[in-house]
Structure formats: structure tokens, C-alpha cells
Protein backbone atom coordinates (compact mmCIF):
# COMPACT_ATOMS: atom_id res chain seq x y z
CA MET A 1 -1.24 -2.88 -13.67
CA LYS A 2 0.34 0.28 -12.57
CA LEU A 3 2.59 0.57 -9.52
CA ASN A 4 -0.01 3.36 -8.06
CA SER A 5 -2.77 1.20 -8.11
CA PHE A 6 -0.88 -1.68 -6.67
CA LEU A 7 0.61 0.14 -4.08
CA TYR A 8 -2.64 1.97 -3.59
CA PRO A 9 -5.83 -0.18 -4.11
CA HIS A 10 -9.22 1.23 -4.56
CA ALA A 11 -12.19 -0.43 -3.47
CA SER A 12 -15.40 0.80 -5.20
CA TYR A 13 -18.10 2.25 -2.80
CA ARG A 14 -21.42 0.29 -2.58
CA GLY A 15 -22.96 2.10 -0.13
CA SER A 16 -25.42 5.37 0.22
CA VAL A 17 -23.62 7.73 -2.22
CA LYS A 18 -23.73 11.07 -0.82
CA PRO A 19 -20.43 13.43 -0.97
CA GLU A 20 -19.81 12.98 2.79
CA ASN A 21 -19.83 8.91 2.71
CA LEU A 22 -17.43 9.11 -0.56
CA VAL A 23 -15.00 11.23 1.39
CA PHE A 24 -15.00 9.13 4.64
CA ASN A 25 -14.99 6.02 2.68
CA ALA A 26 -11.56 7.37 1.02
CA ASN A 27 -10.27 8.37 4.33
CA LEU A 28 -11.07 5.01 5.64
CA GLN A 29 -9.06 3.52 2.73
CA GLU A 30 -6.28 5.58 2.88
CA PHE A 31 -6.26 4.74 7.17
CA ALA A 32 -6.41 0.87 6.50
CA GLN A 33 -3.48 1.05 3.85
CA ARG A 34 -0.99 3.03 5.94
CA ILE A 35 -2.15 0.73 9.04
CA SER A 36 -0.92 -2.00 6.94
CA TYR A 37 2.45 -0.42 5.97
CA ILE A 38 3.25 0.62 9.80
CA SER A 39 2.31 -2.72 10.71
CA ASN A 40 4.80 -4.33 8.24
CA LEU A 41 7.36 -1.88 9.11
CA GLU A 42 7.23 -3.16 12.58
CA THR A 43 7.05 -6.62 11.96
CA ALA A 44 10.37 -6.43 10.21
CA GLY A 45 11.79 -4.31 12.53
CA LYS A 46 11.94 -1.28 10.95
CA LYS A 47 9.66 0.70 13.31
CA SER A 48 9.75 0.44 17.28
CA PRO A 49 6.55 -1.05 18.81
CA GLN A 50 6.35 2.55 20.31
CA GLU A 51 6.76 4.49 17.20
CA ALA A 52 4.25 2.07 15.07
CA TYR A 53 1.76 2.75 18.30
CA GLN A 54 2.05 6.11 18.08
CA GLU A 55 1.95 6.69 14.23
CA ILE A 56 -1.57 4.41 14.54
CA GLN A 57 -2.72 6.76 17.38
CA GLU A 58 -2.29 9.73 15.18
CA LEU A 59 -3.97 7.98 12.46
CA TRP A 60 -6.94 7.07 14.67
CA GLU A 61 -7.50 10.52 15.88
CA SER A 62 -7.38 11.87 11.80
CA LEU A 63 -9.65 9.56 10.81
CA LYS A 64 -12.33 10.12 14.04
CA SER A 65 -11.86 13.71 13.49
CA SER A 66 -13.09 13.32 9.70
CA TYR A 67 -15.98 11.39 10.86
CA TYR A 68 -17.19 14.31 12.81
CA GLN A 69 -16.19 16.95 10.78
CA LEU A 70 -18.05 14.92 7.81
CA GLY A 71 -21.53 15.10 10.23
CA ILE A 72 -21.54 11.88 9.50
CA ASN A 73 -22.32 10.72 13.55
CA GLU A 74 -25.19 13.49 13.41
CA ARG A 75 -27.51 10.96 11.39
């Protein structure tokens, strides 16, 4: 298995195949992966709870912004 595939797993998309859905799915998977890293770093004591919270809040705002920019909420 390639290291990149191990560190950044990507599941196949099974929903309605539209460009905006595919982009949002990729964004969502990246969000989940980054949340996992942040959580693990905080659990290991490498990040403070405040740093982890701030980073997760920024990631959430970014994901929410992509949702609205892609027009998914208009359906």
C-alpha cells in the first residue's frame, strides 16, 4: 500500500453524481481526516484543547462555506 493512500484514505462516492456533490464529498473526507489528526494530537498532548478547538472551528467554517458556495443548500 502506498504511504499516501494509507495516510489519506479516500472512499468511493456513492451518491448522486454531480460535480458539486463530488467536490463537497472530497471536502468532507478531508475535513474528517484533519479532525482525526487534530483529535489525536490533542489526546497525545501535542496540542492544547484550545488550539484543537480553534482549528476544528476553522475547519468547520471552511466546510460550511464550501457547502454554500457549491449551492448544495439550494435544492
